[in-house]
Amino acid sequence: MAPSFDWWVKEKYRGTPVIVKMENPNWSISELSSPEDDEFAEARKGRKGKNAKQITWVLLLKAHRAAGCLTYLASATARLSAAVRRRIAAGRMDSDSGESPTLPRRFYTCIKIFLWLSILLLAFEIAAYLKGWHVSPPDLHSFKFPSSFGVRSLFDSIYASWLSFRAKFIAPLLQFLANACVVLFLVQSADRFILCVGCFWIRFKGIKPVAKAIADDLEAGKYFPMVLIQMPMCNEKEVACILKVYQQSIAAVCNLDWPKSNLLIQVLDDSDDPTTQALIGEEVKKWKQSGVQIIYRHRIIRDGYKAGNLKSAMHCSYVKDYEFVAIFDADFQPTPDFLKLTVPHFKGNDELALVQARWSFINKDENLLTRLQNINLCFHFEVEQQVNGVFINFFGFNGTAGVWRIKALEDSGGWLERTTVEDMDIAVRAHLKGWKFIFLNDVECQCELPESYEAYRKQQHRWHSGPMQLFRLCLPDIIRSKIAFWKKANLIFLFFLLRKLILPFYSFTLFCIILPMTMFVPEAELPAWVVCYIPATMSFLNILPSPRSFPFIVPYLLFENTMSVTKFNAMISGLFKLGSAYEWVVTKKSGRSSEGDLLSLSELKHQRGGSAPELNSITKELATLPKKEPKKKHNRIYRKELTLAFLLLTAAARSLLSAQGLHFYFLLFQGISFLLVGLDLIGEQIE
């Protein structure tokens, strides 16, 4: 039976009413629901046909969305082009930032050599391709080369010699290096996978550290030992609206819910700016007048950076009266119950040296750079720190948001200024003495992430050069220590070699040097699972602790490879004491949410019956202080990243001649990632 088309001419149902608003330059479509929609809902179910008006409106709606997308892309492209032009016109290079030039210059020269070599080989390969030379390695020996004289035969002879030379000498060496890096890559990936399995097991079993019998103890709620708070600072004068970084941190610490008689706060100011010293001193004075036990300390001789500052403070005579010390950097804001959640874990656990809390970030959604940092640090805390804390009672101290037993600090030798990672140094020495650590994943302390690529780059340089300095210094002590053999092996092979040395080494060497070179030496090859599948799987595992960041999984994978150049440079400088291995640069803070945080803290203090510094008085005093011309911020051009961008893009162009699709896309997007980072377009943009 022929289908009936009576519905086409019926008057009752005429489709969804639509109003088209035409407003120059944009127009939009609005749908109006009618009372008949519900009545005919059942009749419309199962019908596959649509009338002409519906099809027209659907097409118009899709065209409108496409036009909106094109407009957005055009606008974004225009803004990006303008930023690139400004960056190039300004001409501020990374060499202007005050870093030690020796090692970066040598490193940059090596990368430039690879770039020029790749450009030369690309031109050579294109010329050969245009002449019809499509010789694969297996056909090389049976191919007949022309013997006539002239320019053409000279080129053919040179190219044939190059094919033979690279197949006999270059390809075996490059393949050996590639295979070695792949093995390291697989070992590191297995370690990462095991950590993720451990984290899953902790979640599945609900394992977490619990204070021993504190809830059922007759003295519950009365365990308030003497606690010392240390707040190391150095030139913390970044302004956010009215208030400053140091004010929100001091306010947060002064509002900790702990008996005043059992709490002493040391503000350890290493600033060399008189205005900053005066501001911090005045802030301490106000809180002292409100009844808080707080002391301002400023060193005349500022040796040893943060370690020297903490060491000097521990030499005060009154420190002997305190049992524990909590450390908070200048941008950290603990919650009022921080000590009540951490200190009870020490009761009845005399072997416990450290209770470390997790960091949370005020500005994690500020820009793409902070989002990518958040992915890394969420994995670090929830997977690495938590798994190591639960299963082996050891992990690297994060330098802040932690509570130490003072006896353990003294037993381990105290703070030493020999490296730029004093926190990792004291943790390793305490572990060698047999002390145990606890990580609390459910106790958070708010802080800030660096918002500019320059600040993040310097922070990562310090975080990756310091462990290599420490490894050189600690290796004899680890071997001679009396801890169990498996703990020694964990320290040497997993903690230092695999996670601090091998990771940046293979990441840079494999994906930034060897992979591009295999495009010009096709006899050596990297399989697709090394280039794409395993890295994608590892990125997926890394992003699991921060599921909201899944849309950024591809930028995260590319950015991690991009950062490998900085981490590799830092690792080499720390291992061999080169260049800026001992350079300490304070990470810049922006004071995000400072006014709102301090207002809430002031209200809390008022509710508890105390008095806190008034915002109006602080604002007036800031206005009366002599205004010092602030140092201007600039976006810079990073030469190493730019050079590697051109190297990868050149290799991507070469891969087209070999029809290597997957390798082409990886090299293309990785090259674009290096290009964006090299032009400083990923973090904070200074207009």
Foldseek 3Di string as FASTA:
>chain_A
DDDDPVVLPDPPDDDWDKDWADDPPAIDIDTDDDPCCVVCVVVPPPDDDDDPVVVVVVVVHVVRVVVVVVVVVVVVVVVVVVLLVVQVVVAFAPVVPPFFVDLVVVLLVVLLVLLVVLVVLLVLVVVCVVVPPPDDVVCLVVDDQDDDDDPVSVSSVVVNVVLVCCLVPVQVVLQVVLVVLVVLVVVLLVVLVVLLVLLVVCVVVVDADDQPCLVVDPCNPVPAFAEEEEEEEEPFAFDDPQDTLQLLAVLLVQLAPGDQVRYAYEYQYAYPDVVVLVLNVVQQVQSVVLPHRYDYDYDPDCPLPPLVSVQVVCPDPCVVRGFKYAYAYSFKRFHNCLCVVFVSNCPPPVLAFKEAEAEDEPCCPVFQVSVLVVLQRLCCQSRVVQSCCVPPQADFFPRHRMMGGVVLCVVLPHFDSQALRSRRLSRVSSVLVPGGYHYGHPGYIYGHDFFFPVLVLQVLLRVQLRLLLSCVVCVVVLVPGPDDPVVSCCVNVPVRPSPRPSVLVSLACNQLPSLLVCLSSVSRDDDLCSLPVSLLVSLVSSNVSPVVSVVCSVVSSLVVSLSSVSSNSSNVCNNVVDTCSRPDDDRHDNCPPSVVSSVVSQVVCVVVPTHHDDPVVSSVVVVPDDDDDDDDDAFHAYSSLLSSLSSLQSSLVSVVSVVPVSSNVSSNVSSVSSVCVRSRNGGDHDD
